[in-house]
């Protein structure tokens, strides 16, 4: 008996596109458009200093976050937005009656430090938005320096109050602590971007 009919049948079968049980073509590489971004956020945040905060803030971020570069920009954006809000809040608080003269002086220092943080984070975001391959290493060094300085300012602000033994309003301390934590996560994302050479 000739094997030709069986060989032809096998060729036709193997060359036909696979079908799902619904009768539609099935492609293994089709994904939910949101899946790559959510996977990237999850795998990137797992080793951040504050992973839960990282996951919460970046999972709900409105902009695109499909590459390490997108994620670094998103993290700095989150930090910048929160630092800006806290800066305005502290400025309003400093204009009111707030404790002793020494305490008001500490608050004034804090206002200045958080304002500096806002400026440093703004420069960082601009640098990340204009990365170029030929100047990548230099630009990343700038970004790391500025975010580190912003984080130092935020920590110094908190330490200034702690050293005075102030009974700072819990809201003020909570806001500054939150900014410091998202800034720490932003620095982690920038360092991670540096390791991937700007992907």
N, C-alpha and C. Protein backbone atom coordinates (compact mmCIF):
# COMPACT_ATOMS: atom_id res chain seq x y z
N UNK A 1 0.86 -1.19 0.00
CA UNK A 1 0.00 0.00 0.00
C UNK A 1 0.89 1.24 0.00
N UNK A 2 0.53 2.21 -0.78
CA UNK A 2 1.32 3.44 -0.86
C UNK A 2 1.14 4.27 0.41
N UNK A 3 2.27 4.83 0.87
CA UNK A 3 2.24 5.69 2.06
C UNK A 3 1.99 7.16 1.70
N UNK A 4 1.91 7.45 0.40
CA UNK A 4 1.79 8.84 -0.05
C UNK A 4 0.58 9.55 0.54
N UNK A 5 -0.64 8.93 0.55
CA UNK A 5 -1.80 9.66 1.12
C UNK A 5 -1.59 10.04 2.58
N UNK A 6 -0.94 9.15 3.33
CA UNK A 6 -0.71 9.44 4.76
C UNK A 6 0.29 10.58 4.95
N UNK A 7 1.31 10.58 4.09
CA UNK A 7 2.33 11.65 4.17
C UNK A 7 1.70 12.99 3.83
N UNK A 8 0.87 13.03 2.78
CA UNK A 8 0.22 14.27 2.39
C UNK A 8 -0.71 14.76 3.49
N UNK A 9 -1.43 13.85 4.11
CA UNK A 9 -2.34 14.22 5.20
C UNK A 9 -1.56 14.82 6.38
N UNK A 10 -0.42 14.22 6.69
CA UNK A 10 0.41 14.72 7.80
C UNK A 10 0.92 16.12 7.51
N UNK A 11 1.33 16.35 6.24
CA UNK A 11 1.85 17.68 5.87
C UNK A 11 0.76 18.73 6.01
N UNK A 12 -0.44 18.41 5.53
CA UNK A 12 -1.57 19.36 5.63
C UNK A 12 -1.89 19.64 7.09
N UNK A 13 -1.89 18.60 7.90
CA UNK A 13 -2.23 18.76 9.32
C UNK A 13 -1.22 19.64 10.04
N UNK A 14 0.06 19.43 9.77
CA UNK A 14 1.11 20.19 10.45
C UNK A 14 1.18 21.63 9.99
N UNK A 15 0.78 21.85 8.72
CA UNK A 15 0.88 23.22 8.18
C UNK A 15 -0.34 24.06 8.51
N UNK A 16 -1.41 23.45 9.04
CA UNK A 16 -2.62 24.21 9.36
C UNK A 16 -2.42 24.98 10.65
N UNK A 17 -2.95 26.22 10.75
CA UNK A 17 -2.83 27.00 11.98
C UNK A 17 -3.61 26.36 13.09
N UNK A 18 -3.06 26.39 14.34
CA UNK A 18 -3.77 25.78 15.45
C UNK A 18 -5.02 26.56 15.78
N UNK A 19 -6.03 25.86 16.27
CA UNK A 19 -7.29 26.51 16.64
C UNK A 19 -7.57 26.23 18.10
N UNK A 20 -8.19 27.17 18.71
CA UNK A 20 -8.61 26.98 20.09
C UNK A 20 -9.95 26.28 20.09
N UNK A 21 -10.40 25.95 21.29
CA UNK A 21 -11.68 25.25 21.38
C UNK A 21 -12.83 26.14 20.94
N UNK A 22 -12.61 27.44 20.84
CA UNK A 22 -13.66 28.34 20.39
C UNK A 22 -13.69 28.47 18.88
N UNK A 23 -12.69 27.85 18.20
CA UNK A 23 -12.66 27.91 16.75
C UNK A 23 -11.87 29.07 16.21
N UNK A 24 -11.26 29.90 17.10
CA UNK A 24 -10.49 31.05 16.65
C UNK A 24 -9.01 30.69 16.64
N UNK A 25 -8.27 31.36 15.77
CA UNK A 25 -6.83 31.12 15.72
C UNK A 25 -6.24 31.42 17.08
N UNK A 26 -5.32 30.59 17.50
CA UNK A 26 -4.69 30.77 18.81
C UNK A 26 -3.24 31.16 18.62
N UNK A 27 -2.84 32.29 19.18
CA UNK A 27 -1.45 32.75 19.09
C UNK A 27 -0.87 32.79 20.48
N UNK A 28 0.23 32.10 20.67
CA UNK A 28 0.82 32.00 22.00
C UNK A 28 1.38 33.34 22.47
N UNK A 29 1.68 34.26 21.57
CA UNK A 29 2.32 35.51 21.97
C UNK A 29 1.35 36.65 22.17
N UNK A 30 0.07 36.38 22.09
CA UNK A 30 -0.90 37.43 22.36
C UNK A 30 -1.07 37.59 23.86
N UNK A 31 -0.96 38.82 24.34
CA UNK A 31 -1.11 39.10 25.77
C UNK A 31 -2.06 40.25 25.97
N UNK A 32 -2.57 40.33 27.15
CA UNK A 32 -3.30 41.53 27.55
C UNK A 32 -2.32 42.70 27.47
N UNK A 33 -2.70 43.82 26.87
CA UNK A 33 -1.78 44.95 26.74
C UNK A 33 -1.22 45.41 28.09
N UNK A 34 -1.94 45.15 29.16
CA UNK A 34 -1.48 45.61 30.46
C UNK A 34 -0.49 44.65 31.11
N UNK A 35 -0.44 43.42 30.62
CA UNK A 35 0.37 42.42 31.29
C UNK A 35 1.86 42.75 31.32
N UNK A 36 2.48 43.14 30.20
CA UNK A 36 3.91 43.44 30.26
C UNK A 36 4.24 44.53 31.28
N UNK A 37 3.43 45.58 31.33
CA UNK A 37 3.68 46.68 32.26
C UNK A 37 3.54 46.21 33.70
N UNK A 38 2.49 45.47 34.00
CA UNK A 38 2.28 45.02 35.37
C UNK A 38 3.36 44.03 35.78
N UNK A 39 3.81 43.19 34.84
CA UNK A 39 4.91 42.27 35.14
C UNK A 39 6.19 43.03 35.45
N UNK A 40 6.46 44.06 34.67
CA UNK A 40 7.67 44.86 34.86
C UNK A 40 7.64 45.56 36.22
N UNK A 41 6.50 46.13 36.55
CA UNK A 41 6.38 46.81 37.85
C UNK A 41 6.62 45.82 38.99
N UNK A 42 5.99 44.67 38.89
CA UNK A 42 6.12 43.68 39.96
C UNK A 42 7.55 43.18 40.13
N UNK A 43 8.19 42.83 39.01
CA UNK A 43 9.56 42.30 39.10
C UNK A 43 10.57 43.39 39.48
N UNK A 44 10.26 44.63 39.12
CA UNK A 44 11.16 45.73 39.46
C UNK A 44 11.03 46.16 40.91
N UNK A 45 9.82 46.11 41.43
CA UNK A 45 9.57 46.59 42.79
C UNK A 45 9.99 45.61 43.87
N UNK A 46 10.13 44.35 43.50
CA UNK A 46 10.33 43.32 44.51
C UNK A 46 11.59 43.56 45.35
N UNK A 47 12.62 44.19 44.76
CA UNK A 47 13.86 44.43 45.49
C UNK A 47 14.05 45.90 45.88
N UNK A 48 13.03 46.71 45.68
CA UNK A 48 13.10 48.12 46.10
C UNK A 48 13.15 48.20 47.63
N UNK A 49 13.58 49.33 48.14
CA UNK A 49 13.66 49.48 49.60
C UNK A 49 12.29 49.38 50.26
N UNK A 50 11.27 49.86 49.55
CA UNK A 50 9.90 49.81 50.06
C UNK A 50 9.03 49.17 48.98
N UNK A 51 9.10 47.83 48.85
CA UNK A 51 8.45 47.14 47.73
C UNK A 51 6.94 47.32 47.66
N UNK A 52 6.27 47.29 48.80
CA UNK A 52 4.81 47.43 48.78
C UNK A 52 4.39 48.82 48.31
N UNK A 53 5.09 49.83 48.81
CA UNK A 53 4.83 51.21 48.39
C UNK A 53 5.15 51.38 46.91
N UNK A 54 6.24 50.79 46.48
CA UNK A 54 6.64 50.84 45.07
C UNK A 54 5.55 50.24 44.19
N UNK A 55 5.09 49.07 44.56
CA UNK A 55 4.07 48.38 43.78
C UNK A 55 2.77 49.17 43.74
N UNK A 56 2.40 49.74 44.88
CA UNK A 56 1.14 50.47 44.98
C UNK A 56 1.19 51.77 44.14
N UNK A 57 2.28 52.50 44.24
CA UNK A 57 2.36 53.79 43.54
C UNK A 57 2.56 53.62 42.03
N UNK A 58 3.36 52.64 41.63
CA UNK A 58 3.66 52.50 40.20
C UNK A 58 2.61 51.68 39.46
N UNK A 59 1.90 50.81 40.15
CA UNK A 59 0.83 50.04 39.50
C UNK A 59 -0.33 50.94 39.11
N UNK A 60 -0.51 52.02 39.86
CA UNK A 60 -1.63 52.94 39.58
C UNK A 60 -1.18 54.17 38.80
N UNK A 61 0.09 54.20 38.41
CA UNK A 61 0.60 55.35 37.67
C UNK A 61 -0.06 55.43 36.30
N UNK A 62 -0.47 56.63 35.92
CA UNK A 62 -1.28 56.79 34.70
C UNK A 62 -0.48 56.67 33.40
N UNK A 63 0.80 57.00 33.46
CA UNK A 63 1.59 57.00 32.23
C UNK A 63 2.09 55.62 31.85
N UNK A 64 2.77 55.50 30.69
CA UNK A 64 3.29 54.20 30.25
C UNK A 64 4.46 53.75 31.12
N UNK A 65 4.56 52.48 31.38
CA UNK A 65 5.67 51.95 32.17
C UNK A 65 6.03 50.58 31.63
N UNK A 66 6.50 50.54 30.38
CA UNK A 66 6.77 49.27 29.72
C UNK A 66 8.25 48.95 29.63
N UNK A 67 9.11 49.89 30.01
CA UNK A 67 10.55 49.66 29.98
C UNK A 67 11.15 50.17 31.29
N UNK A 68 12.37 49.76 31.64
CA UNK A 68 13.02 50.31 32.84
C UNK A 68 13.12 51.84 32.81
N UNK A 69 13.29 52.40 31.61
CA UNK A 69 13.34 53.87 31.50
C UNK A 69 11.99 54.48 31.86
N UNK A 70 10.91 53.91 31.33
CA UNK A 70 9.57 54.39 31.67
C UNK A 70 9.35 54.32 33.19
N UNK A 71 9.80 53.22 33.77
CA UNK A 71 9.57 52.99 35.19
C UNK A 71 10.36 53.97 36.05
N UNK A 72 11.58 54.25 35.64
CA UNK A 72 12.40 55.22 36.38
C UNK A 72 11.75 56.61 36.32
N UNK A 73 11.27 56.98 35.13
CA UNK A 73 10.60 58.28 34.99
C UNK A 73 9.33 58.32 35.84
N UNK A 74 8.58 57.24 35.83
CA UNK A 74 7.35 57.18 36.62
C UNK A 74 7.66 57.33 38.11
N UNK A 75 8.71 56.63 38.57
CA UNK A 75 9.07 56.69 39.99
C UNK A 75 9.50 58.10 40.40
N UNK A 76 10.25 58.77 39.53
CA UNK A 76 10.67 60.15 39.83
C UNK A 76 9.46 61.08 39.78
N UNK A 77 8.56 60.84 38.84
CA UNK A 77 7.34 61.64 38.75
C UNK A 77 6.52 61.55 40.03
N UNK A 78 6.38 60.33 40.54
CA UNK A 78 5.64 60.13 41.79
C UNK A 78 6.32 60.88 42.93
N UNK A 79 7.63 60.75 43.02
CA UNK A 79 8.38 61.43 44.08
C UNK A 79 8.27 62.94 43.97
N UNK A 80 8.39 63.45 42.74
CA UNK A 80 8.30 64.89 42.51
C UNK A 80 6.94 65.44 42.89
N UNK A 81 5.88 64.73 42.50
CA UNK A 81 4.52 65.18 42.80
C UNK A 81 4.30 65.25 44.31
N UNK A 82 4.75 64.23 45.02
CA UNK A 82 4.54 64.21 46.47
C UNK A 82 5.42 65.23 47.18
N UNK A 83 6.65 65.39 46.72
CA UNK A 83 7.53 66.39 47.32
C UNK A 83 6.97 67.80 47.11
N UNK A 84 6.41 68.05 45.93
CA UNK A 84 5.81 69.37 45.65
C UNK A 84 4.63 69.65 46.58
N UNK A 85 3.79 68.65 46.79
CA UNK A 85 2.65 68.82 47.69
C UNK A 85 3.10 69.07 49.12
N UNK A 86 4.11 68.32 49.56
CA UNK A 86 4.62 68.49 50.93
C UNK A 86 5.29 69.85 51.09
N UNK A 87 5.99 70.29 50.05
CA UNK A 87 6.65 71.60 50.10
C UNK A 87 5.63 72.71 50.32
N UNK A 88 4.53 72.64 49.59
CA UNK A 88 3.46 73.65 49.76
C UNK A 88 2.82 73.55 51.14
N UNK A 89 2.63 72.33 51.59
CA UNK A 89 2.03 72.10 52.91
C UNK A 89 2.91 72.67 54.02
N UNK A 90 4.22 72.43 53.94
CA UNK A 90 5.14 72.93 54.96
C UNK A 90 5.23 74.45 54.92
N UNK A 91 5.18 75.01 53.71
CA UNK A 91 5.24 76.47 53.59
C UNK A 91 4.03 77.12 54.27
N UNK A 92 2.86 76.50 54.09
CA UNK A 92 1.66 77.02 54.76
C UNK A 92 1.77 76.86 56.28
N UNK A 93 2.30 75.72 56.71
CA UNK A 93 2.44 75.46 58.14
C UNK A 93 3.41 76.45 58.78
N UNK A 94 4.49 76.76 58.07
CA UNK A 94 5.52 77.66 58.60
C UNK A 94 4.99 79.08 58.79
N UNK A 95 3.97 79.44 58.02
CA UNK A 95 3.43 80.80 58.14
C UNK A 95 2.52 80.95 59.36
N UNK A 96 2.08 79.82 59.92
CA UNK A 96 1.21 79.88 61.09
C UNK A 96 2.03 79.89 62.38
N UNK A 97 1.34 79.87 63.49
CA UNK A 97 2.02 79.80 64.78
C UNK A 97 2.35 78.35 65.05
N UNK A 98 3.63 78.06 65.14
CA UNK A 98 4.06 76.67 65.23
C UNK A 98 5.16 76.55 66.28
N UNK A 99 4.79 76.25 67.51
CA UNK A 99 5.76 75.98 68.56
C UNK A 99 6.66 77.14 68.92
N UNK A 100 7.83 76.81 69.44
CA UNK A 100 8.80 77.80 69.90
C UNK A 100 9.58 78.38 68.72
N UNK A 101 10.41 79.38 69.03
CA UNK A 101 11.24 79.99 68.00
C UNK A 101 12.19 78.96 67.40
N UNK A 102 12.73 78.11 68.25
CA UNK A 102 13.66 77.08 67.80
C UNK A 102 12.94 76.08 66.88
N UNK A 103 11.73 75.76 67.24
CA UNK A 103 10.95 74.82 66.44
C UNK A 103 10.57 75.43 65.09
N UNK A 104 10.23 76.71 65.12
CA UNK A 104 9.90 77.39 63.86
C UNK A 104 11.12 77.46 62.95
N UNK A 105 12.30 77.62 63.56
CA UNK A 105 13.53 77.65 62.78
C UNK A 105 13.78 76.30 62.12
N UNK A 106 13.52 75.22 62.87
CA UNK A 106 13.69 73.87 62.31
C UNK A 106 12.71 73.66 61.16
N UNK A 107 11.49 74.14 61.31
CA UNK A 107 10.50 74.01 60.26
C UNK A 107 10.92 74.81 59.03
N UNK A 108 11.46 76.00 59.28
CA UNK A 108 11.94 76.82 58.15
C UNK A 108 13.05 76.12 57.38
N UNK A 109 13.95 75.45 58.12
CA UNK A 109 15.03 74.68 57.47
C UNK A 109 14.42 73.56 56.63
N UNK A 110 13.40 72.93 57.18
CA UNK A 110 12.75 71.81 56.49
C UNK A 110 12.07 72.28 55.20
N UNK A 111 11.44 73.43 55.27
CA UNK A 111 10.80 74.00 54.08
C UNK A 111 11.84 74.19 52.98
N UNK A 112 13.00 74.71 53.35
CA UNK A 112 14.07 74.95 52.38
C UNK A 112 14.61 73.63 51.82
N UNK A 113 14.76 72.65 52.69
CA UNK A 113 15.31 71.36 52.26
C UNK A 113 14.36 70.63 51.30
N UNK A 114 13.08 70.65 51.61
CA UNK A 114 12.12 69.98 50.72
C UNK A 114 12.00 70.74 49.40
N UNK A 115 12.11 72.06 49.46
CA UNK A 115 12.10 72.87 48.24
C UNK A 115 13.29 72.50 47.35
N UNK A 116 14.44 72.30 47.99
CA UNK A 116 15.63 71.87 47.23
C UNK A 116 15.40 70.48 46.62
N UNK A 117 14.72 69.62 47.36
CA UNK A 117 14.41 68.29 46.84
C UNK A 117 13.55 68.38 45.58
N UNK A 118 12.57 69.26 45.61
CA UNK A 118 11.70 69.45 44.44
C UNK A 118 12.53 69.86 43.23
N UNK A 119 13.45 70.78 43.43
CA UNK A 119 14.29 71.24 42.33
C UNK A 119 15.18 70.11 41.80
N UNK A 120 15.75 69.33 42.71
CA UNK A 120 16.63 68.23 42.29
C UNK A 120 15.86 67.14 41.55
N UNK A 121 14.65 66.86 42.02
CA UNK A 121 13.83 65.85 41.35
C UNK A 121 13.37 66.33 39.98
N UNK A 122 13.10 67.63 39.87
CA UNK A 122 12.70 68.21 38.57
C UNK A 122 13.84 68.07 37.56
N UNK A 123 15.06 68.35 37.99
CA UNK A 123 16.22 68.20 37.11
C UNK A 123 16.42 66.74 36.71
N UNK A 124 16.19 65.85 37.67
CA UNK A 124 16.34 64.42 37.39
C UNK A 124 15.35 63.97 36.32
N UNK A 125 14.09 64.37 36.47
CA UNK A 125 13.07 63.98 35.51
C UNK A 125 13.41 64.49 34.12
N UNK A 126 13.86 65.72 34.04
CA UNK A 126 14.24 66.29 32.74
C UNK A 126 15.39 65.50 32.12
N UNK A 127 16.35 65.10 32.95
CA UNK A 127 17.49 64.34 32.45
C UNK A 127 17.05 62.97 31.90
N UNK A 128 16.16 62.33 32.63
CA UNK A 128 15.67 61.01 32.19
C UNK A 128 14.85 61.10 30.91
N UNK A 129 14.20 62.22 30.72
CA UNK A 129 13.37 62.40 29.52
C UNK A 129 14.21 62.71 28.28
N UNK A 130 15.48 63.03 28.48
CA UNK A 130 16.34 63.40 27.34
C UNK A 130 17.62 62.56 27.32
N UNK A 131 17.51 61.30 27.68
CA UNK A 131 18.68 60.42 27.66
C UNK A 131 19.16 60.19 26.24
N UNK A 132 20.47 60.20 26.07
CA UNK A 132 21.09 59.92 24.78
C UNK A 132 22.17 58.87 24.99
N UNK A 133 22.30 58.00 24.03
CA UNK A 133 23.23 56.88 24.18
C UNK A 133 24.66 57.36 24.42
N UNK A 134 25.08 58.38 23.67
CA UNK A 134 26.47 58.83 23.77
C UNK A 134 26.79 59.54 25.09
N UNK A 135 25.76 60.04 25.77
CA UNK A 135 26.00 60.73 27.05
C UNK A 135 25.28 60.01 28.20
N UNK A 136 24.88 58.77 27.96
CA UNK A 136 24.06 58.04 28.92
C UNK A 136 24.72 57.94 30.30
N UNK A 137 25.98 57.54 30.34
CA UNK A 137 26.65 57.34 31.62
C UNK A 137 26.73 58.65 32.41
N UNK A 138 27.02 59.73 31.74
CA UNK A 138 27.12 61.04 32.40
C UNK A 138 25.74 61.49 32.90
N UNK A 139 24.72 61.30 32.08
CA UNK A 139 23.36 61.69 32.48
C UNK A 139 22.86 60.87 33.66
N UNK A 140 23.16 59.57 33.66
CA UNK A 140 22.74 58.73 34.78
C UNK A 140 23.45 59.12 36.06
N UNK A 141 24.71 59.51 35.93
CA UNK A 141 25.45 59.98 37.10
C UNK A 141 24.81 61.24 37.68
N UNK A 142 24.38 62.13 36.79
CA UNK A 142 23.67 63.34 37.24
C UNK A 142 22.39 62.97 37.98
N UNK A 143 21.61 62.08 37.37
CA UNK A 143 20.33 61.69 37.96
C UNK A 143 20.53 61.06 39.33
N UNK A 144 21.51 60.18 39.45
CA UNK A 144 21.78 59.52 40.72
C UNK A 144 22.22 60.52 41.78
N UNK A 145 23.03 61.48 41.37
CA UNK A 145 23.51 62.51 42.31
C UNK A 145 22.36 63.37 42.81
N UNK A 146 21.49 63.80 41.90
CA UNK A 146 20.39 64.68 42.27
C UNK A 146 19.36 63.97 43.16
N UNK A 147 19.02 62.73 42.81
CA UNK A 147 18.03 62.01 43.63
C UNK A 147 18.62 61.68 45.00
N UNK A 148 19.90 61.35 45.05
CA UNK A 148 20.56 61.10 46.33
C UNK A 148 20.54 62.36 47.20
N UNK A 149 20.78 63.51 46.56
CA UNK A 149 20.73 64.79 47.29
C UNK A 149 19.32 65.08 47.79
N UNK A 150 18.32 64.78 46.97
CA UNK A 150 16.92 64.99 47.37
C UNK A 150 16.59 64.12 48.57
N UNK A 151 17.05 62.88 48.54
CA UNK A 151 16.79 61.96 49.64
C UNK A 151 17.50 62.42 50.92
N UNK A 152 18.71 62.91 50.77
CA UNK A 152 19.46 63.44 51.92
C UNK A 152 18.72 64.63 52.54
N UNK A 153 18.22 65.52 51.69
CA UNK A 153 17.46 66.67 52.19
C UNK A 153 16.24 66.23 52.98
N UNK A 154 15.54 65.24 52.48
CA UNK A 154 14.32 64.77 53.14
C UNK A 154 14.65 64.11 54.48
N UNK A 155 15.72 63.32 54.49
CA UNK A 155 16.14 62.67 55.74
C UNK A 155 16.61 63.72 56.76
N UNK A 156 17.34 64.73 56.27
CA UNK A 156 17.83 65.79 57.15
C UNK A 156 16.67 66.56 57.76
N UNK A 157 15.64 66.79 56.96
CA UNK A 157 14.44 67.47 57.45
C UNK A 157 13.84 66.70 58.62
N UNK A 158 13.68 65.41 58.46
CA UNK A 158 13.13 64.59 59.54
C UNK A 158 14.03 64.56 60.76
N UNK A 159 15.34 64.42 60.52
CA UNK A 159 16.28 64.36 61.64
C UNK A 159 16.31 65.66 62.42
N UNK A 160 16.12 66.79 61.72
CA UNK A 160 16.12 68.08 62.40
C UNK A 160 15.03 68.15 63.45
N UNK A 161 13.87 67.64 63.12
CA UNK A 161 12.77 67.62 64.07
C UNK A 161 13.03 66.61 65.19
N UNK A 162 13.60 65.47 64.83
CA UNK A 162 13.85 64.43 65.82
C UNK A 162 14.86 64.92 66.86
N UNK A 163 15.91 65.60 66.41
CA UNK A 163 16.95 66.08 67.30
C UNK A 163 16.42 67.13 68.27
N UNK A 164 15.44 67.88 67.84
CA UNK A 164 14.84 68.88 68.71
C UNK A 164 13.86 68.26 69.70
N UNK A 165 13.57 67.00 69.51
CA UNK A 165 12.60 66.34 70.37
C UNK A 165 11.21 66.91 70.20
N UNK A 166 10.94 67.41 69.02
CA UNK A 166 9.64 68.05 68.79
C UNK A 166 8.52 67.04 68.75
N UNK A 167 7.39 67.43 69.24
CA UNK A 167 6.19 66.62 69.07
C UNK A 167 5.52 67.10 67.78
N UNK A 168 6.14 66.72 66.70
CA UNK A 168 5.63 67.16 65.41
C UNK A 168 4.27 66.54 65.15
N UNK A 169 3.42 67.30 64.52
CA UNK A 169 2.12 66.75 64.14
C UNK A 169 2.34 65.49 63.32
N UNK A 170 1.60 64.45 63.63
CA UNK A 170 1.79 63.16 62.95
C UNK A 170 1.61 63.29 61.45
N UNK A 171 0.74 64.20 61.03
CA UNK A 171 0.50 64.37 59.60
C UNK A 171 1.74 64.87 58.89
N UNK A 172 2.44 65.82 59.52
CA UNK A 172 3.64 66.39 58.91
C UNK A 172 4.71 65.32 58.77
N UNK A 173 4.94 64.59 59.85
CA UNK A 173 5.96 63.55 59.82
C UNK A 173 5.61 62.46 58.81
N UNK A 174 4.35 62.09 58.77
CA UNK A 174 3.92 61.04 57.84
C UNK A 174 4.15 61.47 56.40
N UNK A 175 3.84 62.72 56.08
CA UNK A 175 4.00 63.22 54.71
C UNK A 175 5.48 63.21 54.29
N UNK A 176 6.34 63.70 55.18
CA UNK A 176 7.76 63.77 54.84
C UNK A 176 8.36 62.37 54.72
N UNK A 177 7.96 61.49 55.63
CA UNK A 177 8.44 60.11 55.58
C UNK A 177 8.03 59.44 54.29
N UNK A 178 6.80 59.68 53.86
CA UNK A 178 6.31 59.09 52.62
C UNK A 178 7.11 59.58 51.42
N UNK A 179 7.40 60.88 51.39
CA UNK A 179 8.20 61.45 50.29
C UNK A 179 9.59 60.81 50.27
N UNK A 180 10.19 60.68 51.45
CA UNK A 180 11.52 60.08 51.53
C UNK A 180 11.51 58.64 51.01
N UNK A 181 10.45 57.92 51.30
CA UNK A 181 10.37 56.51 50.87
C UNK A 181 10.18 56.38 49.36
N UNK A 182 9.30 57.21 48.78
CA UNK A 182 9.12 57.12 47.32
C UNK A 182 10.37 57.62 46.60
N UNK A 183 11.09 58.56 47.22
CA UNK A 183 12.34 59.03 46.63
C UNK A 183 13.40 57.94 46.67
N UNK A 184 13.43 57.20 47.77
CA UNK A 184 14.34 56.06 47.88
C UNK A 184 14.05 55.03 46.80
N UNK A 185 12.78 54.77 46.57
CA UNK A 185 12.39 53.84 45.50
C UNK A 185 12.77 54.37 44.13
N UNK A 186 12.64 55.69 43.94
CA UNK A 186 13.02 56.30 42.66
C UNK A 186 14.52 56.13 42.41
N UNK A 187 15.31 56.28 43.45
CA UNK A 187 16.76 56.10 43.31
C UNK A 187 17.07 54.65 42.93
N UNK A 188 16.35 53.73 43.51
CA UNK A 188 16.54 52.31 43.17
C UNK A 188 16.23 52.08 41.69
N UNK A 189 15.14 52.66 41.19
CA UNK A 189 14.76 52.48 39.79
C UNK A 189 15.79 53.11 38.84
N UNK A 190 16.36 54.22 39.26
CA UNK A 190 17.40 54.87 38.45
C UNK A 190 18.66 54.00 38.41
N UNK A 191 19.03 53.45 39.55
CA UNK A 191 20.19 52.55 39.58
C UNK A 191 19.94 51.32 38.72
N UNK A 192 18.72 50.84 38.74
CA UNK A 192 18.35 49.67 37.94
C UNK A 192 18.41 50.02 36.44
N UNK A 193 17.96 51.21 36.10
CA UNK A 193 18.02 51.67 34.71
C UNK A 193 19.48 51.76 34.26
N UNK A 194 20.33 52.25 35.13
CA UNK A 194 21.75 52.36 34.82
C UNK A 194 22.34 51.00 34.48
N UNK A 195 21.90 49.98 35.22
CA UNK A 195 22.41 48.62 34.99
C UNK A 195 21.94 48.06 33.65
N UNK A 196 20.78 48.51 33.18
CA UNK A 196 20.24 48.00 31.91
C UNK A 196 20.67 48.86 30.72
N UNK A 197 21.46 49.89 30.98
CA UNK A 197 21.94 50.79 29.93
C UNK A 197 20.82 51.45 29.15
N UNK A 198 19.79 51.90 29.88
CA UNK A 198 18.76 52.74 29.29
C UNK A 198 17.72 52.06 28.45
N UNK A 199 17.46 50.80 28.71
CA UNK A 199 16.46 50.07 27.94
C UNK A 199 15.10 50.71 28.06
